[in-house]
PDB file of all heavy atoms in Angstrom:
ATOM      1  N   TRP A   1      -5.608 -10.200  22.442  1.00  0.00           N
ATOM      2  CA  TRP A   1      -5.650  -9.016  21.573  1.00  0.00           C
ATOM      3  C   TRP A   1      -5.815  -7.743  22.396  1.00  0.00           C
ATOM      4  O   TRP A   1      -5.259  -6.696  22.054  1.00  0.00           O
ATOM      5  CB  TRP A   1      -6.741  -9.140  20.509  1.00  0.00           C
ATOM      6  CG  TRP A   1      -6.292  -9.956  19.353  1.00  0.00           C
ATOM      7  CD1 TRP A   1      -6.731 -11.204  19.006  1.00  0.00           C
ATOM      8  CD2 TRP A   1      -5.273  -9.619  18.401  1.00  0.00           C
ATOM      9  NE1 TRP A   1      -6.047 -11.649  17.894  1.00  0.00           N
ATOM     10  CE2 TRP A   1      -5.154 -10.693  17.502  1.00  0.00           C
ATOM     11  CE3 TRP A   1      -4.455  -8.510  18.224  1.00  0.00           C
ATOM     12  CZ2 TRP A   1      -4.248 -10.695  16.444  1.00  0.00           C
ATOM     13  CZ3 TRP A   1      -3.548  -8.507  17.167  1.00  0.00           C
ATOM     14  CH2 TRP A   1      -3.455  -9.591  16.293  1.00  0.00           C
ATOM     15  N   ALA A   2      -6.573  -7.808  23.474  1.00  0.00           N
ATOM     16  CA  ALA A   2      -6.700  -6.640  24.348  1.00  0.00           C
ATOM     17  C   ALA A   2      -5.344  -6.282  24.945  1.00  0.00           C
ATOM     18  O   ALA A   2      -4.990  -5.097  25.039  1.00  0.00           O
ATOM     19  CB  ALA A   2      -7.723  -6.903  25.452  1.00  0.00           C
ATOM     20  N   LEU A   3      -4.566  -7.273  25.315  1.00  0.00           N
ATOM     21  CA  LEU A   3      -3.227  -7.016  25.854  1.00  0.00           C
ATOM     22  C   LEU A   3      -2.339  -6.346  24.812  1.00  0.00           C
ATOM     23  O   LEU A   3      -1.655  -5.360  25.101  1.00  0.00           O
ATOM     24  CB  LEU A   3      -2.588  -8.315  26.344  1.00  0.00           C
ATOM     25  CG  LEU A   3      -1.171  -8.188  26.925  1.00  0.00           C
ATOM     26  CD1 LEU A   3      -1.169  -7.269  28.143  1.00  0.00           C
ATOM     27  CD2 LEU A   3      -0.620  -9.557  27.278  1.00  0.00           C
ATOM     28  N   VAL A   4      -2.353  -6.854  23.593  1.00  0.00           N
ATOM     29  CA  VAL A   4      -1.534  -6.265  22.519  1.00  0.00           C
ATOM     30  C   VAL A   4      -1.926  -4.808  22.296  1.00  0.00           C
ATOM     31  O   VAL A   4      -1.066  -3.913  22.251  1.00  0.00           O
ATOM     32  CB  VAL A   4      -1.682  -7.077  21.211  1.00  0.00           C
ATOM     33  CG1 VAL A   4      -1.116  -6.321  20.019  1.00  0.00           C
ATOM     34  CG2 VAL A   4      -1.022  -8.441  21.351  1.00  0.00           C
ATOM     35  N   TRP A   5      -3.232  -4.543  22.166  1.00  0.00           N
ATOM     36  CA  TRP A   5      -3.665  -3.171  21.886  1.00  0.00           C
ATOM     37  C   TRP A   5      -3.496  -2.251  23.092  1.00  0.00           C
ATOM     38  O   TRP A   5      -3.306  -1.044  22.924  1.00  0.00           O
ATOM     39  CB  TRP A   5      -5.098  -3.169  21.359  1.00  0.00           C
ATOM     40  CG  TRP A   5      -5.108  -3.585  19.928  1.00  0.00           C
ATOM     41  CD1 TRP A   5      -5.494  -4.788  19.417  1.00  0.00           C
ATOM     42  CD2 TRP A   5      -4.623  -2.824  18.815  1.00  0.00           C
ATOM     43  NE1 TRP A   5      -5.300  -4.816  18.060  1.00  0.00           N
ATOM     44  CE2 TRP A   5      -4.768  -3.621  17.661  1.00  0.00           C
ATOM     45  CE3 TRP A   5      -4.078  -1.545  18.680  1.00  0.00           C
ATOM     46  CZ2 TRP A   5      -4.401  -3.180  16.398  1.00  0.00           C
ATOM     47  CZ3 TRP A   5      -3.711  -1.109  17.412  1.00  0.00           C
ATOM     48  CH2 TRP A   5      -3.878  -1.920  16.294  1.00  0.00           C
ATOM     49  N   LEU A   6      -3.546  -2.790  24.291  1.00  0.00           N
ATOM     50  CA  LEU A   6      -3.255  -1.973  25.475  1.00  0.00           C
ATOM     51  C   LEU A   6      -1.812  -1.507  25.439  1.00  0.00           C
ATOM     52  O   LEU A   6      -1.517  -0.325  25.682  1.00  0.00           O
ATOM     53  CB  LEU A   6      -3.520  -2.757  26.758  1.00  0.00           C
ATOM     54  CG  LEU A   6      -3.135  -2.039  28.058  1.00  0.00           C
ATOM     55  CD1 LEU A   6      -4.024  -0.827  28.271  1.00  0.00           C
ATOM     56  CD2 LEU A   6      -3.215  -2.984  29.233  1.00  0.00           C
ATOM     57  N   ILE A   7      -0.896  -2.400  25.118  1.00  0.00           N
ATOM     58  CA  ILE A   7       0.515  -2.026  25.031  1.00  0.00           C
ATOM     59  C   ILE A   7       0.720  -0.964  23.957  1.00  0.00           C
ATOM     60  O   ILE A   7       1.398   0.046  24.187  1.00  0.00           O
ATOM     61  CB  ILE A   7       1.390  -3.273  24.768  1.00  0.00           C
ATOM     62  CG1 ILE A   7       1.376  -4.188  26.003  1.00  0.00           C
ATOM     63  CG2 ILE A   7       2.814  -2.887  24.400  1.00  0.00           C
ATOM     64  CD1 ILE A   7       1.949  -5.575  25.769  1.00  0.00           C
ATOM     65  N   VAL A   8       0.114  -1.174  22.788  1.00  0.00           N
ATOM     66  CA  VAL A   8       0.225  -0.187  21.704  1.00  0.00           C
ATOM     67  C   VAL A   8      -0.340   1.161  22.154  1.00  0.00           C
ATOM     68  O   VAL A   8       0.294   2.204  21.975  1.00  0.00           O
ATOM     69  CB  VAL A   8      -0.498  -0.683  20.428  1.00  0.00           C
ATOM     70  CG1 VAL A   8      -0.633   0.424  19.398  1.00  0.00           C
ATOM     71  CG2 VAL A   8       0.227  -1.886  19.842  1.00  0.00           C
ATOM     72  N   GLY A   9      -1.531   1.152  22.736  1.00  0.00           N
ATOM     73  CA  GLY A   9      -2.164   2.392  23.180  1.00  0.00           C
ATOM     74  C   GLY A   9      -1.368   3.118  24.236  1.00  0.00           C
ATOM     75  O   GLY A   9      -1.212   4.350  24.181  1.00  0.00           O
ATOM     76  N   VAL A  10      -0.845   2.389  25.198  1.00  0.00           N
ATOM     77  CA  VAL A  10      -0.054   3.012  26.265  1.00  0.00           C
ATOM     78  C   VAL A  10       1.248   3.582  25.705  1.00  0.00           C
ATOM     79  O   VAL A  10       1.639   4.709  26.043  1.00  0.00           O
ATOM     80  CB  VAL A  10       0.212   2.019  27.418  1.00  0.00           C
ATOM     81  CG1 VAL A  10       1.259   2.545  28.375  1.00  0.00           C
ATOM     82  CG2 VAL A  10      -1.086   1.731  28.151  1.00  0.00           C
ATOM     83  N   LEU A  11       1.920   2.828  24.839  1.00  0.00           N
ATOM     84  CA  LEU A  11       3.162   3.331  24.244  1.00  0.00           C
ATOM     85  C   LEU A  11       2.907   4.590  23.418  1.00  0.00           C
ATOM     86  O   LEU A  11       3.709   5.533  23.450  1.00  0.00           O
ATOM     87  CB  LEU A  11       3.834   2.255  23.391  1.00  0.00           C
ATOM     88  CG  LEU A  11       4.439   1.089  24.167  1.00  0.00           C
ATOM     89  CD1 LEU A  11       4.969   0.018  23.208  1.00  0.00           C
ATOM     90  CD2 LEU A  11       5.543   1.563  25.104  1.00  0.00           C
ATOM     91  N   LEU A  12       1.812   4.617  22.698  1.00  0.00           N
ATOM     92  CA  LEU A  12       1.482   5.821  21.928  1.00  0.00           C
ATOM     93  C   LEU A  12       1.121   6.989  22.839  1.00  0.00           C
ATOM     94  O   LEU A  12       1.473   8.131  22.559  1.00  0.00           O
ATOM     95  CB  LEU A  12       0.331   5.537  20.961  1.00  0.00           C
ATOM     96  CG  LEU A  12       0.677   4.707  19.737  1.00  0.00           C
ATOM     97  CD1 LEU A  12      -0.583   4.318  18.988  1.00  0.00           C
ATOM     98  CD2 LEU A  12       1.635   5.465  18.829  1.00  0.00           C
ATOM     99  N   THR A  13       0.425   6.711  23.921  1.00  0.00           N
ATOM    100  CA  THR A  13      -0.008   7.764  24.836  1.00  0.00           C
ATOM    101  C   THR A  13       1.179   8.416  25.548  1.00  0.00           C
ATOM    102  O   THR A  13       1.107   9.588  25.915  1.00  0.00           O
ATOM    103  CB  THR A  13      -1.015   7.190  25.860  1.00  0.00           C
ATOM    104  OG1 THR A  13      -2.095   6.608  25.138  1.00  0.00           O
ATOM    105  CG2 THR A  13      -1.556   8.256  26.771  1.00  0.00           C
ATOM    106  N   ILE A  14       2.257   7.690  25.716  1.00  0.00           N
ATOM    107  CA  ILE A  14       3.440   8.229  26.386  1.00  0.00           C
ATOM    108  C   ILE A  14       4.021   9.416  25.618  1.00  0.00           C
ATOM    109  O   ILE A  14       4.493  10.377  26.211  1.00  0.00           O
ATOM    110  CB  ILE A  14       4.503   7.124  26.585  1.00  0.00           C
ATOM    111  CG1 ILE A  14       4.007   6.116  27.602  1.00  0.00           C
ATOM    112  CG2 ILE A  14       5.830   7.717  27.018  1.00  0.00           C
ATOM    113  CD1 ILE A  14       4.883   4.886  27.732  1.00  0.00           C
ATOM    114  N   THR A  15       3.943   9.344  24.292  1.00  0.00           N
ATOM    115  CA  THR A  15       4.462  10.455  23.482  1.00  0.00           C
ATOM    116  C   THR A  15       3.360  11.484  23.284  1.00  0.00           C
ATOM    117  O   THR A  15       2.167  11.151  23.214  1.00  0.00           O
ATOM    118  CB  THR A  15       4.944   9.954  22.104  1.00  0.00           C
ATOM    119  OG1 THR A  15       3.816   9.506  21.362  1.00  0.00           O
ATOM    120  CG2 THR A  15       5.963   8.848  22.247  1.00  0.00           C
ATOM    121  N   LEU A  16       3.731  12.731  23.190  1.00  0.00           N
ATOM    122  CA  LEU A  16       2.749  13.809  23.049  1.00  0.00           C
ATOM    123  C   LEU A  16       1.961  13.672  21.749  1.00  0.00           C
ATOM    124  O   LEU A  16       0.741  13.759  21.734  1.00  0.00           O
ATOM    125  CB  LEU A  16       3.457  15.176  23.100  1.00  0.00           C
ATOM    126  CG  LEU A  16       2.549  16.390  23.124  1.00  0.00           C
ATOM    127  CD1 LEU A  16       1.602  16.324  24.299  1.00  0.00           C
ATOM    128  CD2 LEU A  16       3.384  17.651  23.172  1.00  0.00           C
ATOM    129  N   ILE A  17       2.644  13.425  20.663  1.00  0.00           N
ATOM    130  CA  ILE A  17       1.974  13.301  19.369  1.00  0.00           C
ATOM    131  C   ILE A  17       1.154  12.005  19.329  1.00  0.00           C
ATOM    132  O   ILE A  17       0.025  11.974  18.835  1.00  0.00           O
ATOM    133  CB  ILE A  17       2.996  13.325  18.209  1.00  0.00           C
ATOM    134  CG1 ILE A  17       3.660  14.691  18.169  1.00  0.00           C
ATOM    135  CG2 ILE A  17       2.332  12.997  16.885  1.00  0.00           C
ATOM    136  CD1 ILE A  17       4.825  14.797  17.210  1.00  0.00           C
ATOM    137  N   GLY A  18       1.700  10.934  19.869  1.00  0.00           N
ATOM    138  CA  GLY A  18       1.009   9.645  19.862  1.00  0.00           C
ATOM    139  C   GLY A  18      -0.220   9.609  20.749  1.00  0.00           C
ATOM    140  O   GLY A  18      -1.101   8.785  20.557  1.00  0.00           O
ATOM    141  N   ALA A  19      -0.295  10.539  21.722  1.00  0.00           N
ATOM    142  CA  ALA A  19      -1.445  10.573  22.624  1.00  0.00           C
ATOM    143  C   ALA A  19      -2.731  10.835  21.854  1.00  0.00           C
ATOM    144  O   ALA A  19      -3.803  10.355  22.235  1.00  0.00           O
ATOM    145  CB  ALA A  19      -1.248  11.628  23.702  1.00  0.00           C
ATOM    146  N   VAL A  20      -2.614  11.562  20.747  1.00  0.00           N
ATOM    147  CA  VAL A  20      -3.790  11.848  19.918  1.00  0.00           C
ATOM    148  C   VAL A  20      -4.359  10.549  19.342  1.00  0.00           C
ATOM    149  O   VAL A  20      -5.555  10.424  19.133  1.00  0.00           O
ATOM    150  CB  VAL A  20      -3.420  12.836  18.782  1.00  0.00           C
ATOM    151  CG1 VAL A  20      -4.565  13.054  17.825  1.00  0.00           C
ATOM    152  CG2 VAL A  20      -2.935  14.150  19.371  1.00  0.00           C
ATOM    153  N   ILE A  21      -3.502   9.590  19.115  1.00  0.00           N
ATOM    154  CA  ILE A  21      -3.932   8.295  18.596  1.00  0.00           C
ATOM    155  C   ILE A  21      -4.120   7.291  19.733  1.00  0.00           C
ATOM    156  O   ILE A  21      -5.058   6.499  19.731  1.00  0.00           O
ATOM    157  CB  ILE A  21      -2.898   7.740  17.588  1.00  0.00           C
ATOM    158  CG1 ILE A  21      -2.771   8.699  16.408  1.00  0.00           C
ATOM    159  CG2 ILE A  21      -3.274   6.349  17.111  1.00  0.00           C
ATOM    160  CD1 ILE A  21      -1.598   8.394  15.508  1.00  0.00           C
ATOM    161  N   GLY A  22      -3.234   7.325  20.719  1.00  0.00           N
ATOM    162  CA  GLY A  22      -3.246   6.340  21.802  1.00  0.00           C
ATOM    163  C   GLY A  22      -4.479   6.402  22.676  1.00  0.00           C
ATOM    164  O   GLY A  22      -5.045   5.363  23.032  1.00  0.00           O
ATOM    165  N   VAL A  23      -4.923   7.595  23.028  1.00  0.00           N
ATOM    166  CA  VAL A  23      -6.099   7.724  23.900  1.00  0.00           C
ATOM    167  C   VAL A  23      -7.355   7.171  23.217  1.00  0.00           C
ATOM    168  O   VAL A  23      -8.083   6.384  23.826  1.00  0.00           O
ATOM    169  CB  VAL A  23      -6.278   9.183  24.374  1.00  0.00           C
ATOM    170  CG1 VAL A  23      -7.606   9.357  25.088  1.00  0.00           C
ATOM    171  CG2 VAL A  23      -5.120   9.587  25.282  1.00  0.00           C
ATOM    172  N   PRO A  24      -7.616   7.539  21.947  1.00  0.00           N
ATOM    173  CA  PRO A  24      -8.782   6.919  21.291  1.00  0.00           C
ATOM    174  C   PRO A  24      -8.665   5.398  21.171  1.00  0.00           C
ATOM    175  O   PRO A  24      -9.669   4.687  21.286  1.00  0.00           O
ATOM    176  CB  PRO A  24      -8.811   7.565  19.904  1.00  0.00           C
ATOM    177  CG  PRO A  24      -8.113   8.861  20.080  1.00  0.00           C
ATOM    178  CD  PRO A  24      -7.067   8.608  21.127  1.00  0.00           C
ATOM    179  N   ILE A  25      -7.451   4.893  20.960  1.00  0.00           N
ATOM    180  CA  ILE A  25      -7.264   3.438  20.905  1.00  0.00           C
ATOM    181  C   ILE A  25      -7.691   2.816  22.229  1.00  0.00           C
ATOM    182  O   ILE A  25      -8.404   1.810  22.257  1.00  0.00           O
ATOM    183  CB  ILE A  25      -5.801   3.067  20.570  1.00  0.00           C
ATOM    184  CG1 ILE A  25      -5.522   3.313  19.091  1.00  0.00           C
ATOM    185  CG2 ILE A  25      -5.510   1.606  20.928  1.00  0.00           C
ATOM    186  CD1 ILE A  25      -4.070   3.104  18.688  1.00  0.00           C
ATOM    187  N   LEU A  26      -7.277   3.420  23.336  1.00  0.00           N
ATOM    188  CA  LEU A  26      -7.625   2.875  24.651  1.00  0.00           C
ATOM    189  C   LEU A  26      -9.123   2.970  24.920  1.00  0.00           C
ATOM    190  O   LEU A  26      -9.714   2.052  25.500  1.00  0.00           O
ATOM    191  CB  LEU A  26      -6.828   3.588  25.734  1.00  0.00           C
ATOM    192  CG  LEU A  26      -5.309   3.356  25.672  1.00  0.00           C
ATOM    193  CD1 LEU A  26      -4.590   4.234  26.685  1.00  0.00           C
ATOM    194  CD2 LEU A  26      -4.966   1.888  25.871  1.00  0.00           C
ATOM    195  N   LEU A  27      -9.745   4.074  24.487  1.00  0.00           N
ATOM    196  CA  LEU A  27     -11.193   4.212  24.667  1.00  0.00           C
ATOM    197  C   LEU A  27     -11.951   3.162  23.855  1.00  0.00           C
ATOM    198  O   LEU A  27     -12.872   2.512  24.355  1.00  0.00           O
ATOM    199  CB  LEU A  27     -11.649   5.619  24.267  1.00  0.00           C
ATOM    200  CG  LEU A  27     -11.178   6.748  25.178  1.00  0.00           C
ATOM    201  CD1 LEU A  27     -11.513   8.103  24.563  1.00  0.00           C
ATOM    202  CD2 LEU A  27     -11.783   6.611  26.559  1.00  0.00           C
ATOM    203  N   LEU A  28     -11.551   3.004  22.601  1.00  0.00           N
ATOM    204  CA  LEU A  28     -12.189   1.999  21.749  1.00  0.00           C
ATOM    205  C   LEU A  28     -11.927   0.585  22.266  1.00  0.00           C
ATOM    206  O   LEU A  28     -12.797  -0.289  22.192  1.00  0.00           O
ATOM    207  CB  LEU A  28     -11.697   2.128  20.310  1.00  0.00           C
ATOM    208  CG  LEU A  28     -12.206   3.358  19.557  1.00  0.00           C
ATOM    209  CD1 LEU A  28     -11.488   3.496  18.214  1.00  0.00           C
ATOM    210  CD2 LEU A  28     -13.704   3.286  19.372  1.00  0.00           C
TER     211      LEU A  28
END
């Protein structure tokens, strides 16, 4: 599950708008 959410978080962080969601996902 950590691997799945890491991929989701990194993919979101790549986009400017998704970074707002991706960075908190990675922190959590």
